[in-house]
Amino acid sequence: MKGSILAMNKNKVVLASFCILASAVVFSACRDKQSTGLEYARNMYDPIALNPDQPVSTTNEMLKSFKGQTAQTPPKNTAPVGFVEDDIYPNTKEGFEAAGVNLVNNMPLTEANLLKGKHLYIVMCGPCHGEKGDGQGHLVKIEKFSGVPSFHDPLKESSRGGLMKDLSAGKIYHTIKYGVNMMGSYASQLSPDERWKVVLYVQELQKAK
């Protein structure tokens, strides 16, 4: 009997101690809204590498080249991996026509390339041109943009001449790279290979009926 009472008292003491500790933790965490509370292994929260656009001290010899921030303008005449450009066809009507005649899509017409082209098209082009290429993307439906042509309408003409369904691979590529009218350039968003995959998919949409 005495042993049972001692065990019960011990359990009460443990429970009371736990409640007091829990209350202390809760109240200390609520004391300062900006506080992150108790932290374990702080070095896991603070990365060694600098974050993009993070201000840095130019007094540090190792960081002087950053000139106050981590993100820097690339040196002249350099390009990211995969963005080697061919600037033979400038952003002019003459360049557009020449690209239409001379630029050839060497990207193989495979299921994988078509699927990738479809994905990129839906993400980059679909909001205006529509997932079916009918010029009825959601930005058109909410009347944010108008006059977006269909790729497969037999009567829709390009603003630069010729039917949309007859645009060659080179003309589509040139338009993706430089943009036209209200459509901006996608040269920085899509690598040359990705543009050609989009061209593959657009040419499939041109065949739609």
C-alpha atoms as a PDB file:
ATOM      1  CA  MET A   1       0.000   0.000   0.000  1.00  0.00           C
ATOM      2  CA  LYS A   2       2.792   2.349   1.004  1.00  0.00           C
ATOM      3  CA  GLY A   3       4.680   1.447  -2.190  1.00  0.00           C
ATOM      4  CA  SER A   4       1.643   2.275  -4.337  1.00  0.00           C
ATOM      5  CA  ILE A   5       1.289   5.696  -2.703  1.00  0.00           C
ATOM      6  CA  LEU A   6       4.970   6.440  -3.275  1.00  0.00           C
ATOM      7  CA  ALA A   7       4.647   5.418  -6.941  1.00  0.00           C
ATOM      8  CA  MET A   8       1.589   7.656  -7.381  1.00  0.00           C
ATOM      9  CA  ASN A   9       3.367  10.573  -5.750  1.00  0.00           C
ATOM     10  CA  LYS A  10       6.362  10.009  -7.992  1.00  0.00           C
ATOM     11  CA  ASN A  11       4.146  10.031 -11.074  1.00  0.00           C
ATOM     12  CA  LYS A  12       2.496  13.257  -9.906  1.00  0.00           C
ATOM     13  CA  VAL A  13       5.878  14.873  -9.401  1.00  0.00           C
ATOM     14  CA  VAL A  14       7.013  13.823 -12.900  1.00  0.00           C
ATOM     15  CA  LEU A  15       3.756  15.058 -14.457  1.00  0.00           C
ATOM     16  CA  ALA A  16       3.907  18.358 -12.590  1.00  0.00           C
ATOM     17  CA  SER A  17       7.536  18.868 -13.635  1.00  0.00           C
ATOM     18  CA  PHE A  18       6.665  18.180 -17.268  1.00  0.00           C
ATOM     19  CA  CYS A  19       3.769  20.642 -17.169  1.00  0.00           C
ATOM     20  CA  ILE A  20       5.954  23.347 -15.638  1.00  0.00           C
ATOM     21  CA  LEU A  21       8.675  22.788 -18.256  1.00  0.00           C
ATOM     22  CA  ALA A  22       6.170  22.785 -21.108  1.00  0.00           C
ATOM     23  CA  SER A  23       4.579  25.996 -19.836  1.00  0.00           C
ATOM     24  CA  ALA A  24       7.981  27.653 -19.575  1.00  0.00           C
ATOM     25  CA  VAL A  25       8.829  26.690 -23.162  1.00  0.00           C
ATOM     26  CA  VAL A  26       5.476  27.944 -24.492  1.00  0.00           C
ATOM     27  CA  PHE A  27       5.655  31.275 -22.672  1.00  0.00           C
ATOM     28  CA  SER A  28       9.284  31.847 -23.661  1.00  0.00           C
ATOM     29  CA  ALA A  29       8.441  31.144 -27.313  1.00  0.00           C
ATOM     30  CA  CYS A  30       5.507  33.595 -27.230  1.00  0.00           C
ATOM     31  CA  ARG A  31       7.506  36.365 -25.565  1.00  0.00           C
ATOM     32  CA  ASP A  32       8.966  37.724 -28.795  1.00  0.00           C
ATOM     33  CA  LYS A  33       7.088  37.282 -32.077  1.00  0.00           C
ATOM     34  CA  GLN A  34      10.320  37.753 -34.015  1.00  0.00           C
ATOM     35  CA  SER A  35      12.145  35.085 -32.042  1.00  0.00           C
ATOM     36  CA  THR A  36      12.704  31.685 -33.612  1.00  0.00           C
ATOM     37  CA  GLY A  37      12.836  30.137 -30.151  1.00  0.00           C
ATOM     38  CA  LEU A  38      15.392  27.533 -29.205  1.00  0.00           C
ATOM     39  CA  GLU A  39      17.354  26.300 -32.206  1.00  0.00           C
ATOM     40  CA  TYR A  40      19.465  23.210 -32.632  1.00  0.00           C
ATOM     41  CA  ALA A  41      22.411  23.165 -35.058  1.00  0.00           C
ATOM     42  CA  ARG A  42      22.171  26.815 -36.137  1.00  0.00           C
ATOM     43  CA  ASN A  43      24.636  26.190 -38.963  1.00  0.00           C
ATOM     44  CA  MET A  44      21.905  24.190 -40.711  1.00  0.00           C
ATOM     45  CA  TYR A  45      19.784  27.369 -40.881  1.00  0.00           C
ATOM     46  CA  ASP A  46      22.533  29.677 -42.095  1.00  0.00           C
ATOM     47  CA  PRO A  47      24.028  28.410 -45.381  1.00  0.00           C
ATOM     48  CA  ILE A  48      27.702  28.958 -46.039  1.00  0.00           C
ATOM     49  CA  ALA A  49      27.024  29.926 -49.646  1.00  0.00           C
ATOM     50  CA  LEU A  50      25.711  33.410 -50.410  1.00  0.00           C
ATOM     51  CA  ASN A  51      22.062  33.773 -51.378  1.00  0.00           C
ATOM     52  CA  PRO A  52      21.034  35.354 -54.716  1.00  0.00           C
ATOM     53  CA  ASP A  53      21.072  39.177 -54.511  1.00  0.00           C
ATOM     54  CA  GLN A  54      22.399  39.043 -50.945  1.00  0.00           C
ATOM     55  CA  PRO A  55      24.186  42.283 -49.943  1.00  0.00           C
ATOM     56  CA  VAL A  56      27.801  41.632 -49.068  1.00  0.00           C
ATOM     57  CA  SER A  57      30.515  43.648 -47.382  1.00  0.00           C
ATOM     58  CA  THR A  58      33.014  45.047 -49.851  1.00  0.00           C
ATOM     59  CA  THR A  59      35.532  45.423 -47.051  1.00  0.00           C
ATOM     60  CA  ASN A  60      36.135  41.691 -47.195  1.00  0.00           C
ATOM     61  CA  GLU A  61      39.042  41.028 -49.588  1.00  0.00           C
ATOM     62  CA  MET A  62      37.416  37.834 -50.899  1.00  0.00           C
ATOM     63  CA  LEU A  63      34.131  39.631 -51.680  1.00  0.00           C
ATOM     64  CA  LYS A  64      35.371  42.856 -53.262  1.00  0.00           C
ATOM     65  CA  SER A  65      34.641  41.537 -56.751  1.00  0.00           C
ATOM     66  CA  PHE A  66      30.927  41.294 -55.906  1.00  0.00           C
ATOM     67  CA  LYS A  67      30.633  45.098 -55.726  1.00  0.00           C
ATOM     68  CA  GLY A  68      27.910  45.037 -53.114  1.00  0.00           C
ATOM     69  CA  GLN A  69      25.720  42.153 -54.275  1.00  0.00           C
ATOM     70  CA  THR A  70      26.058  38.518 -55.260  1.00  0.00           C
ATOM     71  CA  ALA A  71      24.127  38.493 -58.561  1.00  0.00           C
ATOM     72  CA  GLN A  72      26.273  40.075 -61.250  1.00  0.00           C
ATOM     73  CA  THR A  73      25.795  41.004 -64.880  1.00  0.00           C
ATOM     74  CA  PRO A  74      27.558  38.373 -67.017  1.00  0.00           C
ATOM     75  CA  PRO A  75      30.742  39.523 -68.763  1.00  0.00           C
ATOM     76  CA  LYS A  76      30.333  40.757 -72.321  1.00  0.00           C
ATOM     77  CA  ASN A  77      30.374  38.200 -75.145  1.00  0.00           C
ATOM     78  CA  THR A  78      29.504  35.316 -72.806  1.00  0.00           C
ATOM     79  CA  ALA A  79      26.435  33.072 -72.840  1.00  0.00           C
ATOM     80  CA  PRO A  80      24.961  30.507 -70.437  1.00  0.00           C
ATOM     81  CA  VAL A  81      25.526  26.834 -71.246  1.00  0.00           C
ATOM     82  CA  GLY A  82      23.022  25.787 -73.907  1.00  0.00           C
ATOM     83  CA  PHE A  83      22.324  29.335 -75.099  1.00  0.00           C
ATOM     84  CA  VAL A  84      24.794  29.553 -77.981  1.00  0.00           C
ATOM     85  CA  GLU A  85      23.005  31.850 -80.410  1.00  0.00           C
ATOM     86  CA  ASP A  86      23.120  32.158 -84.175  1.00  0.00           C
ATOM     87  CA  ASP A  87      22.599  35.852 -84.943  1.00  0.00           C
ATOM     88  CA  ILE A  88      22.745  35.519 -88.716  1.00  0.00           C
ATOM     89  CA  TYR A  89      19.019  36.315 -88.849  1.00  0.00           C
ATOM     90  CA  PRO A  90      18.411  39.693 -87.167  1.00  0.00           C
ATOM     91  CA  ASN A  91      15.154  40.942 -85.701  1.00  0.00           C
ATOM     92  CA  THR A  92      13.919  42.490 -88.935  1.00  0.00           C
ATOM     93  CA  LYS A  93      11.341  41.538 -91.558  1.00  0.00           C
ATOM     94  CA  GLU A  94      14.210  40.545 -93.841  1.00  0.00           C
ATOM     95  CA  GLY A  95      15.711  38.424 -91.058  1.00  0.00           C
ATOM     96  CA  PHE A  96      12.314  36.815 -90.462  1.00  0.00           C
ATOM     97  CA  GLU A  97      11.909  35.923 -94.137  1.00  0.00           C
ATOM     98  CA  ALA A  98      15.485  34.627 -94.417  1.00  0.00           C
ATOM     99  CA  ALA A  99      15.033  32.481 -91.293  1.00  0.00           C
ATOM    100  CA  GLY A 100      11.838  31.091 -92.794  1.00  0.00           C
ATOM    101  CA  VAL A 101      13.719  29.903 -95.851  1.00  0.00           C
ATOM    102  CA  ASN A 102      17.060  28.837 -94.402  1.00  0.00           C
ATOM    103  CA  LEU A 103      16.526  27.743 -90.782  1.00  0.00           C
ATOM    104  CA  VAL A 104      15.881  24.015 -90.530  1.00  0.00           C
ATOM    105  CA  ASN A 105      14.750  22.173 -87.430  1.00  0.00           C
ATOM    106  CA  ASN A 106      17.269  19.407 -86.802  1.00  0.00           C
ATOM    107  CA  MET A 107      15.502  18.336 -83.609  1.00  0.00           C
ATOM    108  CA  PRO A 108      14.317  14.725 -84.146  1.00  0.00           C
ATOM    109  CA  LEU A 109      10.542  14.286 -84.205  1.00  0.00           C
ATOM    110  CA  THR A 110      10.337  11.848 -81.312  1.00  0.00           C
ATOM    111  CA  GLU A 111       7.656  11.316 -78.696  1.00  0.00           C
ATOM    112  CA  ALA A 112       9.986  12.583 -75.967  1.00  0.00           C
ATOM    113  CA  ASN A 113      10.772  15.807 -77.866  1.00  0.00           C
ATOM    114  CA  LEU A 114       7.100  16.368 -78.646  1.00  0.00           C
ATOM    115  CA  LEU A 115       6.119  15.873 -75.012  1.00  0.00           C
ATOM    116  CA  LYS A 116       8.804  18.318 -73.884  1.00  0.00           C
ATOM    117  CA  GLY A 117       7.741  20.760 -76.593  1.00  0.00           C
ATOM    118  CA  LYS A 118       4.111  20.440 -75.500  1.00  0.00           C
ATOM    119  CA  HIS A 119       5.012  21.121 -71.872  1.00  0.00           C
ATOM    120  CA  LEU A 120       7.065  24.202 -72.757  1.00  0.00           C
ATOM    121  CA  TYR A 121       4.354  25.418 -75.129  1.00  0.00           C
ATOM    122  CA  ILE A 122       1.598  25.105 -72.510  1.00  0.00           C
ATOM    123  CA  VAL A 123       3.696  26.940 -69.903  1.00  0.00           C
ATOM    124  CA  MET A 124       5.115  29.672 -72.141  1.00  0.00           C
ATOM    125  CA  CYS A 125       2.643  30.050 -75.005  1.00  0.00           C
ATOM    126  CA  GLY A 126      -0.625  28.531 -73.807  1.00  0.00           C
ATOM    127  CA  PRO A 127      -1.794  31.534 -71.722  1.00  0.00           C
ATOM    128  CA  CYS A 128      -2.307  33.489 -74.954  1.00  0.00           C
ATOM    129  CA  HIS A 129      -2.312  31.005 -77.844  1.00  0.00           C
ATOM    130  CA  GLY A 130      -4.376  28.386 -75.979  1.00  0.00           C
ATOM    131  CA  GLU A 131      -3.431  24.785 -75.295  1.00  0.00           C
ATOM    132  CA  LYS A 132      -5.014  23.759 -78.613  1.00  0.00           C
ATOM    133  CA  GLY A 133      -3.328  26.547 -80.552  1.00  0.00           C
ATOM    134  CA  ASP A 134      -6.683  28.200 -81.270  1.00  0.00           C
ATOM    135  CA  GLY A 135      -5.718  31.622 -79.927  1.00  0.00           C
ATOM    136  CA  GLN A 136      -8.088  31.250 -76.979  1.00  0.00           C
ATOM    137  CA  GLY A 137      -5.776  31.121 -73.978  1.00  0.00           C
ATOM    138  CA  HIS A 138      -7.061  32.195 -70.579  1.00  0.00           C
ATOM    139  CA  LEU A 139      -5.497  35.663 -70.914  1.00  0.00           C
ATOM    140  CA  VAL A 140      -7.550  36.138 -74.073  1.00  0.00           C
ATOM    141  CA  LYS A 141     -10.740  34.879 -72.401  1.00  0.00           C
ATOM    142  CA  ILE A 142     -10.454  37.392 -69.568  1.00  0.00           C
ATOM    143  CA  GLU A 143      -9.927  40.087 -72.213  1.00  0.00           C
ATOM    144  CA  LYS A 144      -6.415  40.936 -71.134  1.00  0.00           C
ATOM    145  CA  PHE A 145      -5.161  40.455 -74.705  1.00  0.00           C
ATOM    146  CA  SER A 146      -6.945  40.273 -78.030  1.00  0.00           C
ATOM    147  CA  GLY A 147      -6.144  39.433 -81.629  1.00  0.00           C
ATOM    148  CA  VAL A 148      -4.085  36.316 -80.832  1.00  0.00           C
ATOM    149  CA  PRO A 149      -4.183  34.213 -84.023  1.00  0.00           C
ATOM    150  CA  SER A 150      -4.958  30.518 -84.287  1.00  0.00           C
ATOM    151  CA  PHE A 151      -2.249  28.241 -85.651  1.00  0.00           C
ATOM    152  CA  HIS A 152      -4.657  26.012 -87.566  1.00  0.00           C
ATOM    153  CA  ASP A 153      -7.482  28.319 -88.682  1.00  0.00           C
ATOM    154  CA  PRO A 154      -7.399  28.217 -92.523  1.00  0.00           C
ATOM    155  CA  LEU A 155      -8.276  31.923 -92.664  1.00  0.00           C
ATOM    156  CA  LYS A 156      -5.974  33.376 -90.010  1.00  0.00           C
ATOM    157  CA  GLU A 157      -3.055  35.328 -91.428  1.00  0.00           C
ATOM    158  CA  SER A 158       0.198  36.283 -89.787  1.00  0.00           C
ATOM    159  CA  SER A 159       0.746  40.004 -89.222  1.00  0.00           C
ATOM    160  CA  ARG A 160       3.862  39.611 -91.377  1.00  0.00           C
ATOM    161  CA  GLY A 161       2.078  37.873 -94.231  1.00  0.00           C
ATOM    162  CA  GLY A 162       1.018  34.320 -95.041  1.00  0.00           C
ATOM    163  CA  LEU A 163      -1.347  32.001 -93.222  1.00  0.00           C
ATOM    164  CA  MET A 164      -0.542  30.980 -89.659  1.00  0.00           C
ATOM    165  CA  LYS A 165      -0.997  27.306 -90.535  1.00  0.00           C
ATOM    166  CA  ASP A 166       1.671  27.649 -93.219  1.00  0.00           C
ATOM    167  CA  LEU A 167       4.387  29.292 -91.120  1.00  0.00           C
ATOM    168  CA  SER A 168       7.659  27.434 -91.597  1.00  0.00           C
ATOM    169  CA  ALA A 169       9.786  26.090 -88.761  1.00  0.00           C
ATOM    170  CA  GLY A 170      12.312  28.885 -89.253  1.00  0.00           C
ATOM    171  CA  LYS A 171       9.669  31.617 -88.998  1.00  0.00           C
ATOM    172  CA  ILE A 172       8.201  30.081 -85.840  1.00  0.00           C
ATOM    173  CA  TYR A 173      11.674  29.831 -84.304  1.00  0.00           C
ATOM    174  CA  HIS A 174      12.502  33.440 -85.240  1.00  0.00           C
ATOM    175  CA  THR A 175       9.246  34.641 -83.643  1.00  0.00           C
ATOM    176  CA  ILE A 176       9.910  32.703 -80.421  1.00  0.00           C
ATOM    177  CA  LYS A 177      13.397  34.159 -80.216  1.00  0.00           C
ATOM    178  CA  TYR A 178      12.541  37.791 -80.931  1.00  0.00           C
ATOM    179  CA  GLY A 179       8.800  38.100 -80.352  1.00  0.00           C
ATOM    180  CA  VAL A 180       6.388  40.081 -82.523  1.00  0.00           C
ATOM    181  CA  ASN A 181       3.777  42.770 -81.829  1.00  0.00           C
ATOM    182  CA  MET A 182       2.550  42.266 -78.222  1.00  0.00           C
ATOM    183  CA  MET A 183       4.406  38.967 -77.883  1.00  0.00           C
ATOM    184  CA  GLY A 184       7.731  39.432 -76.168  1.00  0.00           C
ATOM    185  CA  SER A 185      10.986  37.592 -76.785  1.00  0.00           C
ATOM    186  CA  TYR A 186      11.522  34.192 -75.168  1.00  0.00           C
ATOM    187  CA  ALA A 187      15.253  34.165 -75.880  1.00  0.00           C
ATOM    188  CA  SER A 188      16.127  34.248 -72.187  1.00  0.00           C
ATOM    189  CA  GLN A 189      13.467  31.759 -71.061  1.00  0.00           C
ATOM    190  CA  LEU A 190      14.021  29.038 -73.650  1.00  0.00           C
ATOM    191  CA  SER A 191      17.336  27.656 -74.863  1.00  0.00           C
ATOM    192  CA  PRO A 192      17.747  27.122 -78.621  1.00  0.00           C
ATOM    193  CA  ASP A 193      17.040  23.386 -78.238  1.00  0.00           C
ATOM    194  CA  GLU A 194      13.921  24.104 -76.192  1.00  0.00           C
ATOM    195  CA  ARG A 195      12.700  26.545 -78.851  1.00  0.00           C
ATOM    196  CA  TRP A 196      13.046  23.889 -81.517  1.00  0.00           C
ATOM    197  CA  LYS A 197      11.032  21.464 -79.385  1.00  0.00           C
ATOM    198  CA  VAL A 198       8.304  24.078 -79.111  1.00  0.00           C
ATOM    199  CA  VAL A 199       8.471  24.481 -82.892  1.00  0.00           C
ATOM    200  CA  LEU A 200       7.905  20.732 -83.275  1.00  0.00           C
ATOM    201  CA  TYR A 201       4.766  20.951 -81.173  1.00  0.00           C
ATOM    202  CA  VAL A 202       3.464  24.113 -82.862  1.00  0.00           C
ATOM    203  CA  GLN A 203       3.793  22.383 -86.238  1.00  0.00           C
ATOM    204  CA  GLU A 204       1.655  19.557 -84.859  1.00  0.00           C
ATOM    205  CA  LEU A 205      -0.949  22.144 -83.820  1.00  0.00           C
ATOM    206  CA  GLN A 206      -0.847  23.593 -87.336  1.00  0.00           C
ATOM    207  CA  LYS A 207      -2.164  20.257 -88.597  1.00  0.00           C
ATOM    208  CA  ALA A 208      -5.169  20.291 -86.230  1.00  0.00           C
ATOM    209  CA  LYS A 209      -8.664  20.590 -87.691  1.00  0.00           C
END
